[in-house]
Amino acid sequence: MTSAGPQFPEPAAVGVQWRLRMAAAERGVWTGTQLRRLLAEKAGVDLSAASVSALFIKQPSQVKLSTLAALCTALDCAPGDLLVLGPAALAPASGPVLAGLSDGRPPPGPLRFAGRRSLPPL
């Protein structure tokens, strides 16, 4: 007789999407400086500018629970607002469309986004 324990998905089948920038933008926080100030005021945490910038710009490979709790306190949100788990997180994100030539080559000169202002990643 075997015990039927909890069934967990294979690690490769579960994706994690880091949504700090989007969650912050939804709350009117647009820069790392603003987030750093909120972390100090609301959560009493003094993260370096480089640490906040790294959390804001790219998905971390790991996050301390104390940092996650401080972010949730500062932004008045839940961990689920910052992390999305599941197969939906594995889907490629649709980003801004780059303006280019019809044959797919990049335009001459610096790359420019087709829109006027870039939005936080989805």
PDB file of N, CA and C in Angstrom:
ATOM      1  N   MET A   1       0.849  -1.166   0.000  1.00  0.00           N
ATOM      2  CA  MET A   1       0.000   0.000   0.000  1.00  0.00           C
ATOM      3  C   MET A   1       0.899   1.234   0.000  1.00  0.00           C
ATOM      4  N   THR A   2       0.646   2.150  -0.880  1.00  0.00           N
ATOM      5  CA  THR A   2       1.438   3.375  -0.942  1.00  0.00           C
ATOM      6  C   THR A   2       0.604   4.538  -0.446  1.00  0.00           C
ATOM      7  N   SER A   3       1.268   5.456   0.198  1.00  0.00           N
ATOM      8  CA  SER A   3       0.536   6.628   0.694  1.00  0.00           C
ATOM      9  C   SER A   3       0.428   7.661  -0.419  1.00  0.00           C
ATOM     10  N   ALA A   4      -0.733   8.239  -0.506  1.00  0.00           N
ATOM     11  CA  ALA A   4      -0.964   9.255  -1.528  1.00  0.00           C
ATOM     12  C   ALA A   4      -0.664  10.621  -0.923  1.00  0.00           C
ATOM     13  N   GLY A   5       0.567  11.061  -1.076  1.00  0.00           N
ATOM     14  CA  GLY A   5       0.981  12.367  -0.561  1.00  0.00           C
ATOM     15  C   GLY A   5       0.621  13.459  -1.554  1.00  0.00           C
ATOM     16  N   PRO A   6       0.977  14.668  -1.232  1.00  0.00           N
ATOM     17  CA  PRO A   6       0.669  15.770  -2.140  1.00  0.00           C
ATOM     18  C   PRO A   6       1.405  15.604  -3.462  1.00  0.00           C
ATOM     19  N   GLN A   7       0.749  15.952  -4.513  1.00  0.00           N
ATOM     20  CA  GLN A   7       1.333  15.862  -5.845  1.00  0.00           C
ATOM     21  C   GLN A   7       1.858  17.236  -6.250  1.00  0.00           C
ATOM     22  N   PHE A   8       3.151  17.329  -6.496  1.00  0.00           N
ATOM     23  CA  PHE A   8       3.763  18.586  -6.899  1.00  0.00           C
ATOM     24  C   PHE A   8       4.137  18.495  -8.372  1.00  0.00           C
ATOM     25  N   PRO A   9       3.984  19.578  -9.118  1.00  0.00           N
ATOM     26  CA  PRO A   9       4.374  19.553 -10.524  1.00  0.00           C
ATOM     27  C   PRO A   9       5.891  19.469 -10.658  1.00  0.00           C
ATOM     28  N   GLU A  10       6.324  19.005 -11.797  1.00  0.00           N
ATOM     29  CA  GLU A  10       7.750  18.967 -12.071  1.00  0.00           C
ATOM     30  C   GLU A  10       8.280  20.400 -12.043  1.00  0.00           C
ATOM     31  N   PRO A  11       9.497  20.619 -11.506  1.00  0.00           N
ATOM     32  CA  PRO A  11      10.028  21.977 -11.414  1.00  0.00           C
ATOM     33  C   PRO A  11      10.067  22.704 -12.754  1.00  0.00           C
ATOM     34  N   ALA A  12      10.364  21.996 -13.839  1.00  0.00           N
ATOM     35  CA  ALA A  12      10.441  22.645 -15.143  1.00  0.00           C
ATOM     36  C   ALA A  12       9.069  23.086 -15.639  1.00  0.00           C
ATOM     37  N   ALA A  13       7.996  22.494 -15.091  1.00  0.00           N
ATOM     38  CA  ALA A  13       6.650  22.814 -15.562  1.00  0.00           C
ATOM     39  C   ALA A  13       6.074  24.052 -14.882  1.00  0.00           C
ATOM     40  N   VAL A  14       6.727  24.524 -13.834  1.00  0.00           N
ATOM     41  CA  VAL A  14       6.221  25.683 -13.100  1.00  0.00           C
ATOM     42  C   VAL A  14       7.136  26.868 -13.370  1.00  0.00           C
ATOM     43  N   GLY A  15       6.543  27.947 -13.819  1.00  0.00           N
ATOM     44  CA  GLY A  15       7.312  29.159 -14.060  1.00  0.00           C
ATOM     45  C   GLY A  15       7.024  30.186 -12.985  1.00  0.00           C
ATOM     46  N   VAL A  16       7.928  31.117 -12.835  1.00  0.00           N
ATOM     47  CA  VAL A  16       7.757  32.205 -11.883  1.00  0.00           C
ATOM     48  C   VAL A  16       7.966  33.509 -12.640  1.00  0.00           C
ATOM     49  N   GLN A  17       7.026  34.401 -12.492  1.00  0.00           N
ATOM     50  CA  GLN A  17       7.150  35.714 -13.119  1.00  0.00           C
ATOM     51  C   GLN A  17       7.262  36.762 -12.016  1.00  0.00           C
ATOM     52  N   TRP A  18       8.300  37.586 -12.071  1.00  0.00           N
ATOM     53  CA  TRP A  18       8.537  38.649 -11.100  1.00  0.00           C
ATOM     54  C   TRP A  18       7.817  39.897 -11.584  1.00  0.00           C
ATOM     55  N   ARG A  19       6.867  40.381 -10.802  1.00  0.00           N
ATOM     56  CA  ARG A  19       6.022  41.501 -11.214  1.00  0.00           C
ATOM     57  C   ARG A  19       6.218  42.750 -10.354  1.00  0.00           C
ATOM     58  N   LEU A  20       7.384  42.925  -9.755  1.00  0.00           N
ATOM     59  CA  LEU A  20       7.600  44.065  -8.867  1.00  0.00           C
ATOM     60  C   LEU A  20       7.360  45.385  -9.585  1.00  0.00           C
ATOM     61  N   ARG A  21       7.920  45.519 -10.762  1.00  0.00           N
ATOM     62  CA  ARG A  21       7.787  46.796 -11.477  1.00  0.00           C
ATOM     63  C   ARG A  21       6.334  47.102 -11.805  1.00  0.00           C
ATOM     64  N   MET A  22       5.589  46.104 -12.237  1.00  0.00           N
ATOM     65  CA  MET A  22       4.176  46.312 -12.567  1.00  0.00           C
ATOM     66  C   MET A  22       3.365  46.605 -11.309  1.00  0.00           C
ATOM     67  N   ALA A  23       3.615  45.857 -10.246  1.00  0.00           N
ATOM     68  CA  ALA A  23       2.888  46.086  -8.993  1.00  0.00           C
ATOM     69  C   ALA A  23       3.178  47.481  -8.455  1.00  0.00           C
ATOM     70  N   ALA A  24       4.421  47.913  -8.558  1.00  0.00           N
ATOM     71  CA  ALA A  24       4.783  49.253  -8.098  1.00  0.00           C
ATOM     72  C   ALA A  24       4.104  50.313  -8.965  1.00  0.00           C
ATOM     73  N   ALA A  25       4.113  50.118 -10.275  1.00  0.00           N
ATOM     74  CA  ALA A  25       3.492  51.089 -11.188  1.00  0.00           C
ATOM     75  C   ALA A  25       1.994  51.207 -10.929  1.00  0.00           C
ATOM     76  N   GLU A  26       1.349  50.083 -10.627  1.00  0.00           N
ATOM     77  CA  GLU A  26      -0.086  50.113 -10.325  1.00  0.00           C
ATOM     78  C   GLU A  26      -0.381  50.928  -9.069  1.00  0.00           C
ATOM     79  N   ARG A  27       0.650  51.151  -8.263  1.00  0.00           N
ATOM     80  CA  ARG A  27       0.490  51.916  -7.023  1.00  0.00           C
ATOM     81  C   ARG A  27       1.157  53.288  -7.118  1.00  0.00           C
ATOM     82  N   GLY A  28       1.498  53.704  -8.342  1.00  0.00           N
ATOM     83  CA  GLY A  28       2.074  55.029  -8.560  1.00  0.00           C
ATOM     84  C   GLY A  28       3.550  55.155  -8.231  1.00  0.00           C
ATOM     85  N   VAL A  29       4.239  54.034  -8.101  1.00  0.00           N
ATOM     86  CA  VAL A  29       5.677  54.046  -7.816  1.00  0.00           C
ATOM     87  C   VAL A  29       6.392  53.702  -9.116  1.00  0.00           C
ATOM     88  N   TRP A  30       7.098  54.678  -9.679  1.00  0.00           N
ATOM     89  CA  TRP A  30       7.680  54.502 -11.008  1.00  0.00           C
ATOM     90  C   TRP A  30       9.192  54.339 -11.012  1.00  0.00           C
ATOM     91  N   THR A  31       9.858  54.697  -9.929  1.00  0.00           N
ATOM     92  CA  THR A  31      11.320  54.624  -9.921  1.00  0.00           C
ATOM     93  C   THR A  31      11.820  53.839  -8.715  1.00  0.00           C
ATOM     94  N   GLY A  32      13.049  53.373  -8.848  1.00  0.00           N
ATOM     95  CA  GLY A  32      13.680  52.685  -7.736  1.00  0.00           C
ATOM     96  C   GLY A  32      13.871  53.604  -6.539  1.00  0.00           C
ATOM     97  N   THR A  33      14.108  54.886  -6.807  1.00  0.00           N
ATOM     98  CA  THR A  33      14.270  55.855  -5.723  1.00  0.00           C
ATOM     99  C   THR A  33      12.987  55.984  -4.912  1.00  0.00           C
ATOM    100  N   GLN A  34      11.854  56.033  -5.604  1.00  0.00           N
ATOM    101  CA  GLN A  34      10.565  56.103  -4.904  1.00  0.00           C
ATOM    102  C   GLN A  34      10.336  54.839  -4.077  1.00  0.00           C
ATOM    103  N   LEU A  35      10.653  53.687  -4.653  1.00  0.00           N
ATOM    104  CA  LEU A  35      10.470  52.422  -3.938  1.00  0.00           C
ATOM    105  C   LEU A  35      11.397  52.352  -2.729  1.00  0.00           C
ATOM    106  N   ARG A  36      12.620  52.790  -2.894  1.00  0.00           N
ATOM    107  CA  ARG A  36      13.584  52.774  -1.788  1.00  0.00           C
ATOM    108  C   ARG A  36      13.094  53.648  -0.633  1.00  0.00           C
ATOM    109  N   ARG A  37      12.530  54.804  -0.964  1.00  0.00           N
ATOM    110  CA  ARG A  37      11.989  55.701   0.062  1.00  0.00           C
ATOM    111  C   ARG A  37      10.826  55.032   0.798  1.00  0.00           C
ATOM    112  N   LEU A  38       9.935  54.377   0.037  1.00  0.00           N
ATOM    113  CA  LEU A  38       8.806  53.671   0.660  1.00  0.00           C
ATOM    114  C   LEU A  38       9.280  52.541   1.570  1.00  0.00           C
ATOM    115  N   LEU A  39      10.290  51.808   1.125  1.00  0.00           N
ATOM    116  CA  LEU A  39      10.832  50.718   1.940  1.00  0.00           C
ATOM    117  C   LEU A  39      11.350  51.249   3.274  1.00  0.00           C
ATOM    118  N   ALA A  40      12.007  52.397   3.240  1.00  0.00           N
ATOM    119  CA  ALA A  40      12.536  52.978   4.475  1.00  0.00           C
ATOM    120  C   ALA A  40      11.413  53.502   5.366  1.00  0.00           C
ATOM    121  N   GLU A  41      10.444  54.206   4.761  1.00  0.00           N
ATOM    122  CA  GLU A  41       9.368  54.831   5.536  1.00  0.00           C
ATOM    123  C   GLU A  41       8.377  53.821   6.105  1.00  0.00           C
ATOM    124  N   LYS A  42       7.908  52.898   5.270  1.00  0.00           N
ATOM    125  CA  LYS A  42       6.834  51.993   5.687  1.00  0.00           C
ATOM    126  C   LYS A  42       7.325  50.695   6.318  1.00  0.00           C
ATOM    127  N   ALA A  43       8.472  50.184   5.834  1.00  0.00           N
ATOM    128  CA  ALA A  43       8.936  48.880   6.315  1.00  0.00           C
ATOM    129  C   ALA A  43      10.176  48.978   7.196  1.00  0.00           C
ATOM    130  N   GLY A  44      10.777  50.164   7.269  1.00  0.00           N
ATOM    131  CA  GLY A  44      11.975  50.321   8.085  1.00  0.00           C
ATOM    132  C   GLY A  44      13.180  49.576   7.550  1.00  0.00           C
ATOM    133  N   VAL A  45      13.210  49.361   6.240  1.00  0.00           N
ATOM    134  CA  VAL A  45      14.298  48.610   5.609  1.00  0.00           C
ATOM    135  C   VAL A  45      15.096  49.561   4.727  1.00  0.00           C
ATOM    136  N   ASP A  46      16.415  49.521   4.868  1.00  0.00           N
ATOM    137  CA  ASP A  46      17.286  50.385   4.081  1.00  0.00           C
ATOM    138  C   ASP A  46      18.093  49.530   3.110  1.00  0.00           C
ATOM    139  N   LEU A  47      17.521  49.284   1.933  1.00  0.00           N
ATOM    140  CA  LEU A  47      18.238  48.549   0.892  1.00  0.00           C
ATOM    141  C   LEU A  47      19.075  49.535   0.090  1.00  0.00           C
ATOM    142  N   SER A  48      20.203  49.080  -0.422  1.00  0.00           N
ATOM    143  CA  SER A  48      21.046  49.951  -1.239  1.00  0.00           C
ATOM    144  C   SER A  48      20.328  50.287  -2.542  1.00  0.00           C
ATOM    145  N   ALA A  49      20.730  51.397  -3.137  1.00  0.00           N
ATOM    146  CA  ALA A  49      20.141  51.808  -4.412  1.00  0.00           C
ATOM    147  C   ALA A  49      20.370  50.728  -5.470  1.00  0.00           C
ATOM    148  N   ALA A  50      21.540  50.103  -5.447  1.00  0.00           N
ATOM    149  CA  ALA A  50      21.849  49.048  -6.423  1.00  0.00           C
ATOM    150  C   ALA A  50      20.942  47.834  -6.233  1.00  0.00           C
ATOM    151  N   SER A  51      20.666  47.475  -4.982  1.00  0.00           N
ATOM    152  CA  SER A  51      19.795  46.325  -4.711  1.00  0.00           C
ATOM    153  C   SER A  51      18.371  46.584  -5.179  1.00  0.00           C
ATOM    154  N   VAL A  52      17.861  47.771  -4.885  1.00  0.00           N
ATOM    155  CA  VAL A  52      16.498  48.112  -5.306  1.00  0.00           C
ATOM    156  C   VAL A  52      16.426  48.172  -6.824  1.00  0.00           C
ATOM    157  N   SER A  53      17.440  48.751  -7.446  1.00  0.00           N
ATOM    158  CA  SER A  53      17.466  48.833  -8.906  1.00  0.00           C
ATOM    159  C   SER A  53      17.468  47.442  -9.528  1.00  0.00           C
ATOM    160  N   ALA A  54      18.270  46.538  -8.976  1.00  0.00           N
ATOM    161  CA  ALA A  54      18.324  45.171  -9.504  1.00  0.00           C
ATOM    162  C   ALA A  54      16.975  44.474  -9.362  1.00  0.00           C
ATOM    163  N   LEU A  55      16.303  44.656  -8.228  1.00  0.00           N
ATOM    164  CA  LEU A  55      14.977  44.052  -8.036  1.00  0.00           C
ATOM    165  C   LEU A  55      13.963  44.650  -8.999  1.00  0.00           C
ATOM    166  N   PHE A  56      14.116  45.925  -9.296  1.00  0.00           N
ATOM    167  CA  PHE A  56      13.177  46.644 -10.154  1.00  0.00           C
ATOM    168  C   PHE A  56      13.358  46.268 -11.625  1.00  0.00           C
ATOM    169  N   ILE A  57      14.599  46.025 -12.034  1.00  0.00           N
ATOM    170  CA  ILE A  57      14.911  45.850 -13.454  1.00  0.00           C
ATOM    171  C   ILE A  57      14.793  44.409 -13.936  1.00  0.00           C
ATOM    172  N   LYS A  58      15.253  43.453 -13.142  1.00  0.00           N
ATOM    173  CA  LYS A  58      15.271  42.071 -13.636  1.00  0.00           C
ATOM    174  C   LYS A  58      14.713  41.111 -12.599  1.00  0.00           C
ATOM    175  N   GLN A  59      14.358  39.945 -13.065  1.00  0.00           N
ATOM    176  CA  GLN A  59      13.817  38.918 -12.178  1.00  0.00           C
ATOM    177  C   GLN A  59      14.953  38.311 -11.368  1.00  0.00           C
ATOM    178  N   PRO A  60      14.855  38.360 -10.041  1.00  0.00           N
ATOM    179  CA  PRO A  60      15.916  37.772  -9.227  1.00  0.00           C
ATOM    180  C   PRO A  60      15.832  36.245  -9.239  1.00  0.00           C
ATOM    181  N   SER A  61      16.970  35.589  -9.015  1.00  0.00           N
ATOM    182  CA  SER A  61      16.960  34.128  -8.938  1.00  0.00           C
ATOM    183  C   SER A  61      16.477  33.671  -7.567  1.00  0.00           C
ATOM    184  N   GLN A  62      16.596  34.552  -6.581  1.00  0.00           N
ATOM    185  CA  GLN A  62      16.096  34.255  -5.239  1.00  0.00           C
ATOM    186  C   GLN A  62      15.810  35.570  -4.529  1.00  0.00           C
ATOM    187  N   VAL A  63      14.885  35.522  -3.583  1.00  0.00           N
ATOM    188  CA  VAL A  63      14.529  36.699  -2.794  1.00  0.00           C
ATOM    189  C   VAL A  63      14.404  36.260  -1.346  1.00  0.00           C
ATOM    190  N   LYS A  64      15.042  36.979  -0.445  1.00  0.00           N
ATOM    191  CA  LYS A  64      14.896  36.682   0.982  1.00  0.00           C
ATOM    192  C   LYS A  64      13.453  36.939   1.386  1.00  0.00           C
ATOM    193  N   LEU A  65      12.950  36.122   2.282  1.00  0.00           N
ATOM    194  CA  LEU A  65      11.583  36.326   2.766  1.00  0.00           C
ATOM    195  C   LEU A  65      11.439  37.676   3.452  1.00  0.00           C
ATOM    196  N   SER A  66      12.477  38.127   4.141  1.00  0.00           N
ATOM    197  CA  SER A  66      12.406  39.436   4.802  1.00  0.00           C
ATOM    198  C   SER A  66      12.311  40.564   3.775  1.00  0.00           C
ATOM    199  N   THR A  67      12.990  40.410   2.638  1.00  0.00           N
ATOM    200  CA  THR A  67      12.903  41.417   1.573  1.00  0.00           C
ATOM    201  C   THR A  67      11.527  41.384   0.936  1.00  0.00           C
ATOM    202  N   LEU A  68      11.004  40.185   0.694  1.00  0.00           N
ATOM    203  CA  LEU A  68       9.662  40.053   0.124  1.00  0.00           C
ATOM    204  C   LEU A  68       8.626  40.673   1.056  1.00  0.00           C
ATOM    205  N   ALA A  69       8.756  40.425   2.344  1.00  0.00           N
ATOM    206  CA  ALA A  69       7.825  41.002   3.323  1.00  0.00           C
ATOM    207  C   ALA A  69       7.928  42.523   3.339  1.00  0.00           C
ATOM    208  N   ALA A  70       9.144  43.053   3.248  1.00  0.00           N
ATOM    209  CA  ALA A  70       9.332  44.507   3.233  1.00  0.00           C
ATOM    210  C   ALA A  70       8.722  45.125   1.978  1.00  0.00           C
ATOM    211  N   LEU A  71       8.898  44.471   0.836  1.00  0.00           N
ATOM    212  CA  LEU A  71       8.303  44.972  -0.408  1.00  0.00           C
ATOM    213  C   LEU A  71       6.781  44.978  -0.308  1.00  0.00           C
ATOM    214  N   CYS A  72       6.223  43.909   0.250  1.00  0.00           N
ATOM    215  CA  CYS A  72       4.766  43.832   0.408  1.00  0.00           C
ATOM    216  C   CYS A  72       4.259  44.914   1.361  1.00  0.00           C
ATOM    217  N   THR A  73       4.991  45.173   2.419  1.00  0.00           N
ATOM    218  CA  THR A  73       4.603  46.221   3.366  1.00  0.00           C
ATOM    219  C   THR A  73       4.682  47.594   2.707  1.00  0.00           C
ATOM    220  N   ALA A  74       5.775  47.854   2.005  1.00  0.00           N
ATOM    221  CA  ALA A  74       5.973  49.159   1.369  1.00  0.00           C
ATOM    222  C   ALA A  74       4.927  49.436   0.300  1.00  0.00           C
ATOM    223  N   LEU A  75       4.564  48.412  -0.468  1.00  0.00           N
ATOM    224  CA  LEU A  75       3.613  48.597  -1.569  1.00  0.00           C
ATOM    225  C   LEU A  75       2.182  48.262  -1.168  1.00  0.00           C
ATOM    226  N   ASP A  76       1.990  47.845   0.080  1.00  0.00           N
ATOM    227  CA  ASP A  76       0.662  47.464   0.569  1.00  0.00           C
ATOM    228  C   ASP A  76       0.034  46.425  -0.362  1.00  0.00           C
ATOM    229  N   CYS A  77       0.770  45.320  -0.534  1.00  0.00           N
ATOM    230  CA  CYS A  77       0.303  44.261  -1.429  1.00  0.00           C
ATOM    231  C   CYS A  77       0.605  42.905  -0.802  1.00  0.00           C
ATOM    232  N   ALA A  78       0.232  41.853  -1.494  1.00  0.00           N
ATOM    233  CA  ALA A  78       0.489  40.483  -1.057  1.00  0.00           C
ATOM    234  C   ALA A  78       1.590  39.880  -1.929  1.00  0.00           C
ATOM    235  N   PRO A  79       2.259  38.825  -1.454  1.00  0.00           N
ATOM    236  CA  PRO A  79       3.290  38.187  -2.279  1.00  0.00           C
ATOM    237  C   PRO A  79       2.787  37.780  -3.662  1.00  0.00           C
ATOM    238  N   GLY A  80       1.520  37.395  -3.765  1.00  0.00           N
ATOM    239  CA  GLY A  80       0.952  37.016  -5.060  1.00  0.00           C
ATOM    240  C   GLY A  80       0.872  38.165  -6.050  1.00  0.00           C
ATOM    241  N   ASP A  81       0.961  39.403  -5.550  1.00  0.00           N
ATOM    242  CA  ASP A  81       1.000  40.554  -6.451  1.00  0.00           C
ATOM    243  C   ASP A  81       2.386  40.729  -7.056  1.00  0.00           C
ATOM    244  N   LEU A  82       3.403  40.202  -6.388  1.00  0.00           N
ATOM    245  CA  LEU A  82       4.783  40.344  -6.858  1.00  0.00           C
ATOM    246  C   LEU A  82       5.278  39.121  -7.611  1.00  0.00           C
ATOM    247  N   LEU A  83       4.733  37.957  -7.286  1.00  0.00           N
ATOM    248  CA  LEU A  83       5.144  36.701  -7.912  1.00  0.00           C
ATOM    249  C   LEU A  83       3.940  36.012  -8.528  1.00  0.00           C
ATOM    250  N   VAL A  84       4.071  35.590  -9.762  1.00  0.00           N
ATOM    251  CA  VAL A  84       3.024  34.807 -10.411  1.00  0.00           C
ATOM    252  C   VAL A  84       3.618  33.436 -10.691  1.00  0.00           C
ATOM    253  N   LEU A  85       2.970  32.398 -10.169  1.00  0.00           N
ATOM    254  CA  LEU A  85       3.439  31.028 -10.354  1.00  0.00           C
ATOM    255  C   LEU A  85       2.532  30.288 -11.314  1.00  0.00           C
ATOM    256  N   GLY A  86       3.102  29.384 -12.075  1.00  0.00           N
ATOM    257  CA  GLY A  86       2.294  28.531 -12.925  1.00  0.00           C
ATOM    258  C   GLY A  86       2.705  28.593 -14.377  1.00  0.00           C
ATOM    259  N   PRO A  87       2.040  27.794 -15.191  1.00  0.00           N
ATOM    260  CA  PRO A  87       2.380  27.719 -16.610  1.00  0.00           C
ATOM    261  C   PRO A  87       2.231  29.051 -17.331  1.00  0.00           C
ATOM    262  N   ALA A  88       1.315  29.918 -16.878  1.00  0.00           N
ATOM    263  CA  ALA A  88       1.126  31.209 -17.540  1.00  0.00           C
ATOM    264  C   ALA A  88       2.394  32.048 -17.462  1.00  0.00           C
ATOM    265  N   ALA A  89       3.176  31.858 -16.413  1.00  0.00           N
ATOM    266  CA  ALA A  89       4.410  32.620 -16.264  1.00  0.00           C
ATOM    267  C   ALA A  89       5.476  32.165 -17.257  1.00  0.00           C
ATOM    268  N   LEU A  90       5.319  30.970 -17.831  1.00  0.00           N
ATOM    269  CA  LEU A  90       6.278  30.466 -18.805  1.00  0.00           C
ATOM    270  C   LEU A  90       6.037  31.019 -20.197  1.00  0.00           C
ATOM    271  N   ALA A  91       4.832  31.531 -20.452  1.00  0.00           N
ATOM    272  CA  ALA A  91       4.510  32.052 -21.778  1.00  0.00           C
ATOM    273  C   ALA A  91       5.376  33.263 -22.065  1.00  0.00           C
ATOM    274  N   PRO A  92       5.843  33.399 -23.307  1.00  0.00           N
ATOM    275  CA  PRO A  92       6.672  34.554 -23.629  1.00  0.00           C
ATOM    276  C   PRO A  92       5.882  35.844 -23.482  1.00  0.00           C
ATOM    277  N   ALA A  93       6.525  36.825 -22.892  1.00  0.00           N
ATOM    278  CA  ALA A  93       5.866  38.119 -22.699  1.00  0.00           C
ATOM    279  C   ALA A  93       5.844  38.882 -24.010  1.00  0.00           C
ATOM    280  N   SER A  94       4.745  39.544 -24.258  1.00  0.00           N
ATOM    281  CA  SER A  94       4.681  40.367 -25.456  1.00  0.00           C
ATOM    282  C   SER A  94       5.192  41.743 -25.081  1.00  0.00           C
ATOM    283  N   GLY A  95       6.287  42.123 -25.688  1.00  0.00           N
ATOM    284  CA  GLY A  95       6.908  43.405 -25.373  1.00  0.00           C
ATOM    285  C   GLY A  95       6.580  44.441 -26.417  1.00  0.00           C
ATOM    286  N   PRO A  96       7.158  45.619 -26.277  1.00  0.00           N
ATOM    287  CA  PRO A  96       6.912  46.657 -27.259  1.00  0.00           C
ATOM    288  C   PRO A  96       7.480  46.256 -28.610  1.00  0.00           C
ATOM    289  N   VAL A  97       6.835  46.676 -29.648  1.00  0.00           N
ATOM    290  CA  VAL A  97       7.254  46.350 -31.003  1.00  0.00           C
ATOM    291  C   VAL A  97       8.315  47.344 -31.432  1.00  0.00           C
ATOM    292  N   LEU A  98       9.436  46.825 -31.924  1.00  0.00           N
ATOM    293  CA  LEU A  98      10.481  47.704 -32.414  1.00  0.00           C
ATOM    294  C   LEU A  98      10.179  48.099 -33.851  1.00  0.00           C
ATOM    295  N   ALA A  99      10.382  49.355 -34.141  1.00  0.00           N
ATOM    296  CA  ALA A  99      10.210  49.814 -35.516  1.00  0.00           C
ATOM    297  C   ALA A  99      11.403  49.319 -36.316  1.00  0.00           C
ATOM    298  N   GLY A 100      11.178  48.795 -37.492  1.00  0.00           N
ATOM    299  CA  GLY A 100      12.266  48.287 -38.308  1.00  0.00           C
ATOM    300  C   GLY A 100      11.872  48.258 -39.767  1.00  0.00           C
ATOM    301  N   LEU A 101      12.742  47.703 -40.580  1.00  0.00           N
ATOM    302  CA  LEU A 101      12.470  47.588 -42.002  1.00  0.00           C
ATOM    303  C   LEU A 101      11.561  46.396 -42.252  1.00  0.00           C
ATOM    304  N   SER A 102      10.871  46.409 -43.376  1.00  0.00           N
ATOM    305  CA  SER A 102       9.893  45.359 -43.662  1.00  0.00           C
ATOM    306  C   SER A 102      10.535  43.982 -43.804  1.00  0.00           C
ATOM    307  N   ASP A 103      11.817  43.912 -44.147  1.00  0.00           N
ATOM    308  CA  ASP A 103      12.462  42.608 -44.287  1.00  0.00           C
ATOM    309  C   ASP A 103      13.050  42.108 -42.968  1.00  0.00           C
ATOM    310  N   GLY A 104      12.775  42.806 -41.865  1.00  0.00           N
ATOM    311  CA  GLY A 104      13.205  42.346 -40.559  1.00  0.00           C
ATOM    312  C   GLY A 104      14.526  42.925 -40.088  1.00  0.00           C
ATOM    313  N   ARG A 105      15.243  43.612 -40.982  1.00  0.00           N
ATOM    314  CA  ARG A 105      16.511  44.217 -40.571  1.00  0.00           C
ATOM    315  C   ARG A 105      16.236  45.409 -39.659  1.00  0.00           C
ATOM    316  N   PRO A 106      17.129  45.664 -38.704  1.00  0.00           N
ATOM    317  CA  PRO A 106      16.923  46.835 -37.844  1.00  0.00           C
ATOM    318  C   PRO A 106      17.105  48.120 -38.644  1.00  0.00           C
ATOM    319  N   PRO A 107      16.458  49.180 -38.225  1.00  0.00           N
ATOM    320  CA  PRO A 107      16.602  50.446 -38.934  1.00  0.00           C
ATOM    321  C   PRO A 107      18.000  51.013 -38.722  1.00  0.00           C
ATOM    322  N   PRO A 108      18.462  51.847 -39.640  1.00  0.00           N
ATOM    323  CA  PRO A 108      19.767  52.466 -39.425  1.00  0.00           C
ATOM    324  C   PRO A 108      19.687  53.428 -38.240  1.00  0.00           C
ATOM    325  N   GLY A 109      20.770  53.529 -37.502  1.00  0.00           N
ATOM    326  CA  GLY A 109      20.784  54.427 -36.347  1.00  0.00           C
ATOM    327  C   GLY A 109      20.307  53.709 -35.101  1.00  0.00           C
ATOM    328  N   PRO A 110      20.056  54.462 -34.047  1.00  0.00           N
ATOM    329  CA  PRO A 110      19.631  53.835 -32.790  1.00  0.00           C
ATOM    330  C   PRO A 110      18.245  53.225 -32.907  1.00  0.00           C
ATOM    331  N   LEU A 111      18.031  52.131 -32.165  1.00  0.00           N
ATOM    332  CA  LEU A 111      16.718  51.493 -32.162  1.00  0.00           C
ATOM    333  C   LEU A 111      15.715  52.390 -31.455  1.00  0.00           C
ATOM    334  N   ARG A 112      14.526  52.442 -31.989  1.00  0.00           N
ATOM    335  CA  ARG A 112      13.477  53.248 -31.376  1.00  0.00           C
ATOM    336  C   ARG A 112      12.234  52.386 -31.234  1.00  0.00           C
ATOM    337  N   PHE A 113      11.513  52.598 -30.155  1.00  0.00           N
ATOM    338  CA  PHE A 113      10.266  51.896 -29.952  1.00  0.00           C
ATOM    339  C   PHE A 113       9.186  52.549 -30.791  1.00  0.00           C
ATOM    340  N   ALA A 114       8.260  51.737 -31.276  1.00  0.00           N
ATOM    341  CA  ALA A 114       7.181  52.249 -32.111  1.00  0.00           C
ATOM    342  C   ALA A 114       6.274  53.184 -31.317  1.00  0.00           C
ATOM    343  N   GLY A 115       6.129  52.947 -30.024  1.00  0.00           N
ATOM    344  CA  GLY A 115       5.285  53.802 -29.186  1.00  0.00           C
ATOM    345  C   GLY A 115       6.063  54.994 -28.667  1.00  0.00           C
ATOM    346  N   ARG A 116       5.361  55.899 -28.031  1.00  0.00           N
ATOM    347  CA  ARG A 116       6.006  57.099 -27.509  1.00  0.00           C
ATOM    348  C   ARG A 116       6.702  56.831 -26.185  1.00  0.00           C
ATOM    349  N   ARG A 117       6.096  56.028 -25.331  1.00  0.00           N
ATOM    350  CA  ARG A 117       6.655  55.786 -24.005  1.00  0.00           C
ATOM    351  C   ARG A 117       6.553  54.306 -23.692  1.00  0.00           C
ATOM    352  N   SER A 118       7.621  53.759 -23.152  1.00  0.00           N
ATOM    353  CA  SER A 118       7.576  52.344 -22.806  1.00  0.00           C
ATOM    354  C   SER A 118       6.842  52.169 -21.487  1.00  0.00           C
ATOM    355  N   LEU A 119       6.188  51.047 -21.350  1.00  0.00           N
ATOM    356  CA  LEU A 119       5.454  50.708 -20.139  1.00  0.00           C
ATOM    357  C   LEU A 119       6.232  49.663 -19.365  1.00  0.00           C
ATOM    358  N   PRO A 120       5.923  49.473 -18.099  1.00  0.00           N
ATOM    359  CA  PRO A 120       6.582  48.416 -17.340  1.00  0.00           C
ATOM    360  C   PRO A 120       6.301  47.062 -17.980  1.00  0.00           C
ATOM    361  N   PRO A 121       7.188  46.086 -17.780  1.00  0.00           N
ATOM    362  CA  PRO A 121       6.952  44.764 -18.366  1.00  0.00           C
ATOM    363  C   PRO A 121       5.682  44.140 -17.811  1.00  0.00           C
ATOM    364  N   LEU A 122       5.049  43.336 -18.635  1.00  0.00           N
ATOM    365  CA  LEU A 122       3.801  42.684 -18.225  1.00  0.00           C
ATOM    366  C   LEU A 122       4.064  41.412 -17.505  1.00  0.00           C
TER     367      LEU A 122
END
